[in-house]
């Protein structure tokens, strides 16, 4: 499958956020992000902060597992008990998760890479279990739900060390500059925008690191072939004013636009160039 543009992606040009001064990243890291579509930020989060949010998310994962056991084959959409758990919007149920999503580290990353006014767009836990290894297809985050501006930021936060053996991210550097690609549904794990690309890069990360990539960076995570659960909390941040485009791209243009500014879960993290709480 060769990459081809999404039907709604017309005239896309990659945009850089220019900063006179940076709050978290160094100039080389910023350049790496813009050139390759991702950057690994090592040791960004302390052990205490990580342990606190992991305890909350572990409880949520247990509840998700029990919920999935009610369905035929223990599965709902791409989530499956004993294989892979998804649970969106922990920030709605937990003040700990809410504080974590607004942590200074993420606010400063948004300042350095996104813009002057930035909101949390999406948050979810993804626990990849060892019982039934699953290999995700290559996809872009903006290929699942089309958002404009197309560029937003994904912070992939390993709660446990993420290795090649247990399902760390792989990225396809440089393809983010094409904008959103067309995605096709493939069983059993979702949308796919390309076959295995040449030059794909594994990004192992330790607990406390943050793997940062664009919503437009094709990526996947490999199967978990170990005996332990690989735990991840995914946080995504979009410019204030971002909108979800509604409709079916297979049948025509967008039928509507929905602002991504839900006050309960899409709260500001940067206002006027200043991280909230700074």
Protein backbone atom coordinates (compact mmCIF):
# COMPACT_ATOMS: atom_id res chain seq x y z
CA UNK A 1 0.00 0.00 0.00
CA UNK A 2 1.57 3.26 -1.15
CA UNK A 3 0.78 6.42 0.84
CA UNK A 4 -1.93 8.53 -0.75
CA UNK A 5 -3.58 11.71 0.56
CA UNK A 6 -6.75 11.64 2.59
CA UNK A 7 -9.70 12.92 0.50
CA UNK A 8 -10.02 15.97 2.77
CA UNK A 9 -6.30 16.75 2.77
CA UNK A 10 -5.85 19.49 0.18
CA UNK A 11 -2.81 21.73 -0.06
CA UNK A 12 -1.26 20.72 3.24
CA UNK A 13 2.01 22.39 4.24
CA UNK A 14 3.89 21.45 7.39
CA UNK A 15 3.99 24.36 9.83
CA UNK A 16 6.75 25.09 12.34
CA UNK A 17 6.12 26.89 15.62
CA UNK A 18 8.88 29.48 15.86
CA UNK A 19 10.07 30.32 19.37
CA UNK A 20 12.57 32.92 20.54
CA UNK A 21 13.11 30.78 23.62
CA UNK A 22 12.29 27.18 24.48
CA UNK A 23 10.95 25.92 27.80
CA UNK A 24 11.80 22.20 27.76
CA UNK A 25 13.39 21.03 24.52
CA UNK A 26 16.74 21.96 23.08
CA UNK A 27 17.09 23.36 19.54
CA UNK A 28 18.39 20.01 18.25
CA UNK A 29 15.36 18.20 19.65
CA UNK A 30 12.99 20.69 18.05
CA UNK A 31 14.78 20.30 14.72
CA UNK A 32 14.62 16.51 15.02
CA UNK A 33 10.87 16.69 15.62
CA UNK A 34 10.22 18.87 12.59
CA UNK A 35 12.54 16.87 10.33
CA UNK A 36 11.56 13.35 11.39
CA UNK A 37 8.14 13.78 12.98
CA UNK A 38 9.10 12.54 16.44
CA UNK A 39 11.48 13.06 19.35
CA UNK A 40 12.27 11.04 22.47
CA UNK A 41 12.39 13.11 25.65
CA UNK A 42 14.29 11.10 28.24
CA UNK A 43 13.72 11.29 31.99
CA UNK A 44 10.96 13.88 31.71
CA UNK A 45 8.76 12.57 34.53
CA UNK A 46 9.76 11.65 38.07
CA UNK A 47 9.02 8.23 39.58
CA UNK A 48 6.55 9.53 42.17
CA UNK A 49 4.38 11.32 39.62
CA UNK A 50 4.41 8.26 37.37
CA UNK A 51 3.54 5.86 40.20
CA UNK A 52 0.58 8.00 41.27
CA UNK A 53 -1.05 8.07 37.84
CA UNK A 54 -0.19 4.42 37.14
CA UNK A 55 -2.10 3.32 40.24
CA UNK A 56 -5.19 5.17 39.01
CA UNK A 57 -4.90 3.80 35.49
CA UNK A 58 -4.35 0.24 36.73
CA UNK A 59 -7.73 0.38 38.46
CA UNK A 60 -9.33 1.69 35.30
CA UNK A 61 -7.69 -1.07 33.24
CA UNK A 62 -9.09 -3.72 35.59
CA UNK A 63 -12.58 -2.30 35.16
CA UNK A 64 -12.12 -2.21 31.38
CA UNK A 65 -11.05 -5.86 31.37
CA UNK A 66 -14.16 -6.86 33.31
CA UNK A 67 -16.36 -4.80 30.97
CA UNK A 68 -14.94 -6.52 27.88
CA UNK A 69 -15.61 -9.97 29.33
CA UNK A 70 -19.33 -9.30 28.83
CA UNK A 71 -19.04 -9.34 25.03
CA UNK A 72 -18.76 -12.22 22.55
CA UNK A 73 -15.11 -13.20 22.19
CA UNK A 74 -14.34 -10.75 25.02
CA UNK A 75 -13.99 -8.04 22.40
CA UNK A 76 -15.45 -4.64 21.54
CA UNK A 77 -14.14 -2.96 18.37
CA UNK A 78 -10.33 -3.24 18.55
CA UNK A 79 -10.20 -3.75 22.34
CA UNK A 80 -9.99 -7.33 23.60
CA UNK A 81 -9.70 -8.72 27.10
CA UNK A 82 -6.43 -10.58 27.52
CA UNK A 83 -4.95 -8.82 24.49
CA UNK A 84 -5.23 -5.04 24.46
CA UNK A 85 -7.18 -2.61 26.62
CA UNK A 86 -8.24 0.92 25.70
CA UNK A 87 -9.96 3.33 28.06
CA UNK A 88 -10.56 6.91 26.92
CA UNK A 89 -10.70 10.05 29.03
CA UNK A 90 -9.36 9.10 32.46
CA UNK A 91 -9.31 12.87 33.10
CA UNK A 92 -13.10 12.81 33.41
CA UNK A 93 -13.01 10.40 36.35
CA UNK A 94 -9.75 11.15 38.13
CA UNK A 95 -8.25 14.34 39.47
CA UNK A 96 -4.87 12.56 39.46
CA UNK A 97 -5.15 11.91 35.72
CA UNK A 98 -6.33 15.47 35.16
CA UNK A 99 -3.32 16.90 37.00
CA UNK A 100 -1.02 14.59 35.09
CA UNK A 101 -2.45 15.66 31.72
CA UNK A 102 -1.81 19.28 32.70
CA UNK A 103 1.69 18.56 34.03
CA UNK A 104 4.31 21.22 33.37
CA UNK A 105 6.25 18.81 31.15
CA UNK A 106 3.37 18.48 28.68
CA UNK A 107 2.54 22.18 28.83
CA UNK A 108 6.14 23.07 28.02
CA UNK A 109 6.25 20.54 25.17
CA UNK A 110 3.11 22.16 23.77
CA UNK A 111 4.69 25.60 24.11
CA UNK A 112 7.79 24.47 22.24
CA UNK A 113 6.07 22.50 19.46
CA UNK A 114 2.40 23.50 19.08
CA UNK A 115 1.72 27.17 19.75
CA UNK A 116 0.59 29.92 22.10
CA UNK A 117 -2.84 28.50 22.95
CA UNK A 118 -3.17 24.75 23.34
CA UNK A 119 -5.75 22.36 24.82
CA UNK A 120 -5.79 18.72 25.78
CA UNK A 121 -7.51 17.04 22.85
CA UNK A 122 -7.61 13.35 23.82
CA UNK A 123 -6.37 11.05 26.55
CA UNK A 124 -6.54 7.27 26.88
CA UNK A 125 -4.75 4.37 28.47
CA UNK A 126 -3.51 1.54 26.27
CA UNK A 127 -2.43 -1.62 28.07
CA UNK A 128 -0.94 -4.24 25.76
CA UNK A 129 -1.24 -7.62 27.44
CA UNK A 130 0.96 -10.67 26.88
CA UNK A 131 -1.67 -13.36 26.40
CA UNK A 132 -2.53 -12.62 22.76
CA UNK A 133 0.20 -10.59 21.04
CA UNK A 134 -1.18 -7.96 18.66
CA UNK A 135 0.65 -5.98 15.99
CA UNK A 136 -0.97 -2.68 15.07
CA UNK A 137 -1.15 -1.53 11.44
CA UNK A 138 0.69 1.60 10.33
CA UNK A 139 -1.56 4.59 10.97
CA UNK A 140 -1.66 8.29 11.76
CA UNK A 141 -3.64 9.58 14.71
CA UNK A 142 -5.38 12.10 12.45
CA UNK A 143 -6.42 9.21 10.20
CA UNK A 144 -8.87 7.94 12.81
CA UNK A 145 -10.69 11.21 13.50
CA UNK A 146 -9.93 14.03 11.08
CA UNK A 147 -9.04 17.23 12.91
CA UNK A 148 -8.11 20.65 11.56
CA UNK A 149 -5.50 21.95 11.94
CA UNK A 150 -4.17 18.55 10.95
CA UNK A 151 -1.06 18.99 13.09
CA UNK A 152 -1.45 18.22 16.76
CA UNK A 153 0.83 16.56 19.29
CA UNK A 154 0.81 13.04 20.68
CA UNK A 155 2.69 12.34 23.91
CA UNK A 156 3.11 8.57 24.25
CA UNK A 157 3.93 8.04 27.92
CA UNK A 158 5.31 4.61 28.92
CA UNK A 159 4.24 3.74 32.46
CA UNK A 160 6.49 0.69 32.24
CA UNK A 161 9.62 0.35 30.13
CA UNK A 162 8.64 -0.02 26.46
CA UNK A 163 10.93 -2.32 24.48
CA UNK A 164 10.94 -3.91 21.05
CA UNK A 165 9.86 -7.16 22.73
CA UNK A 166 6.82 -5.74 24.54
CA UNK A 167 5.50 -3.28 21.96
CA UNK A 168 7.38 0.01 21.84
CA UNK A 169 6.46 2.51 19.12
CA UNK A 170 7.86 2.37 15.60
CA UNK A 171 7.71 5.49 13.42
CA UNK A 172 8.11 6.22 9.71
CA UNK A 173 10.26 9.38 9.70
CA UNK A 174 9.51 12.20 7.29
CA UNK A 175 6.08 11.12 6.07
CA UNK A 176 4.38 13.58 8.43
CA UNK A 177 5.14 16.26 5.86
CA UNK A 178 2.54 14.74 3.52
CA UNK A 179 -0.33 15.62 5.84
CA UNK A 180 -3.14 13.20 6.58
CA UNK A 181 -3.07 10.04 4.48
CA UNK A 182 -5.97 7.88 3.36
CA UNK A 183 -6.59 4.96 5.71
CA UNK A 184 -8.25 1.61 5.00
CA UNK A 185 -9.83 -0.60 7.64
CA UNK A 186 -8.00 -3.88 8.24
CA UNK A 187 -8.94 -6.65 10.66
CA UNK A 188 -8.52 -7.03 13.53
CA UNK A 189 -6.83 -3.84 14.72
CA UNK A 190 -8.03 -0.83 12.83
CA UNK A 191 -7.02 1.64 10.15
CA UNK A 192 -3.94 1.34 7.95
CA UNK A 193 -2.28 4.03 5.83
CA UNK A 194 0.70 2.13 4.40
CA UNK A 195 2.52 -1.19 4.36
CA UNK A 196 5.83 -1.65 6.15
CA UNK A 197 7.87 1.38 5.06
CA UNK A 198 11.58 1.44 4.46
CA UNK A 199 13.54 3.27 7.12
CA UNK A 200 11.12 2.62 9.98
CA UNK A 201 12.64 3.39 13.38
CA UNK A 202 11.93 1.70 16.70
CA UNK A 203 11.68 4.07 19.67
CA UNK A 204 12.22 2.12 22.90
CA UNK A 205 11.51 4.23 25.97
CA UNK A 206 11.88 3.85 29.70
CA UNK A 207 9.23 4.68 32.27
CA UNK A 208 9.57 8.43 32.81
CA UNK A 209 10.45 9.16 29.19
CA UNK A 210 7.97 10.67 26.73
CA UNK A 211 7.81 9.68 23.06
CA UNK A 212 6.55 12.78 21.27
CA UNK A 213 5.27 12.61 17.71
CA UNK A 214 2.95 14.44 15.36
CA UNK A 215 -0.64 13.43 14.70
CA UNK A 216 0.61 13.02 11.12
CA UNK A 217 3.54 10.69 11.84
CA UNK A 218 2.78 7.14 10.66
CA UNK A 219 3.47 4.78 13.53
CA UNK A 220 2.58 1.47 15.11
CA UNK A 221 3.42 -0.59 18.16
CA UNK A 222 4.64 -4.15 17.88
CA UNK A 223 3.29 -7.23 19.67
CA UNK A 224 3.96 -7.88 23.32
CA UNK A 225 5.86 -11.18 23.39
CA UNK A 226 6.94 -10.88 27.03
CA UNK A 227 5.19 -12.08 30.16
CA UNK A 228 4.36 -8.60 31.47
CA UNK A 229 1.78 -5.94 30.55
CA UNK A 230 3.10 -2.97 28.60
CA UNK A 231 1.34 0.06 30.06
CA UNK A 232 0.97 3.38 28.27
CA UNK A 233 -0.94 6.61 28.82
CA UNK A 234 -1.48 8.57 25.61
CA UNK A 235 -2.07 12.33 25.80
CA UNK A 236 -2.82 14.46 22.75
CA UNK A 237 -2.77 18.25 22.55
CA UNK A 238 -4.22 20.46 19.81
CA UNK A 239 -4.22 24.20 19.09
CA UNK A 240 -7.08 26.09 20.66
CA UNK A 241 -9.79 26.39 18.00
CA UNK A 242 -9.19 22.92 16.53
CA UNK A 243 -12.26 21.28 15.02
CA UNK A 244 -13.27 17.72 14.26
CA UNK A 245 -14.52 17.31 10.70
CA UNK A 246 -17.68 15.21 10.60
CA UNK A 247 -18.87 13.01 7.77
CA UNK A 248 -17.66 10.09 5.67
CA UNK A 249 -14.60 10.87 3.51
CA UNK A 250 -15.52 7.94 1.30
CA UNK A 251 -18.74 9.59 0.18
CA UNK A 252 -17.89 13.29 0.01
CA UNK A 253 -16.72 16.33 1.87
CA UNK A 254 -17.25 17.15 5.53
CA UNK A 255 -20.84 17.54 6.66
CA UNK A 256 -20.00 19.60 9.72
CA UNK A 257 -17.36 20.78 12.16
CA UNK A 258 -17.29 20.19 15.90
CA UNK A 259 -15.10 22.42 18.10
CA UNK A 260 -12.70 20.45 20.29
CA UNK A 261 -13.20 22.51 23.42
CA UNK A 262 -15.21 20.35 25.81
CA UNK A 263 -14.65 22.18 29.12
CA UNK A 264 -14.59 18.96 31.15
CA UNK A 265 -11.91 17.08 29.24
CA UNK A 266 -10.35 19.44 26.66
CA UNK A 267 -9.00 22.04 29.04
CA UNK A 268 -6.27 24.59 28.22
CA UNK A 269 -2.64 23.75 28.99
CA UNK A 270 -1.05 26.82 27.35
CA UNK A 271 -2.68 30.27 27.24
CA UNK A 272 -1.06 33.24 25.52
CA UNK A 273 2.25 31.43 25.23
CA UNK A 274 2.40 30.69 28.96
CA UNK A 275 1.91 27.16 30.33
CA UNK A 276 -1.08 27.04 32.67
CA UNK A 277 0.21 26.94 36.23
CA UNK A 278 3.60 28.39 35.30
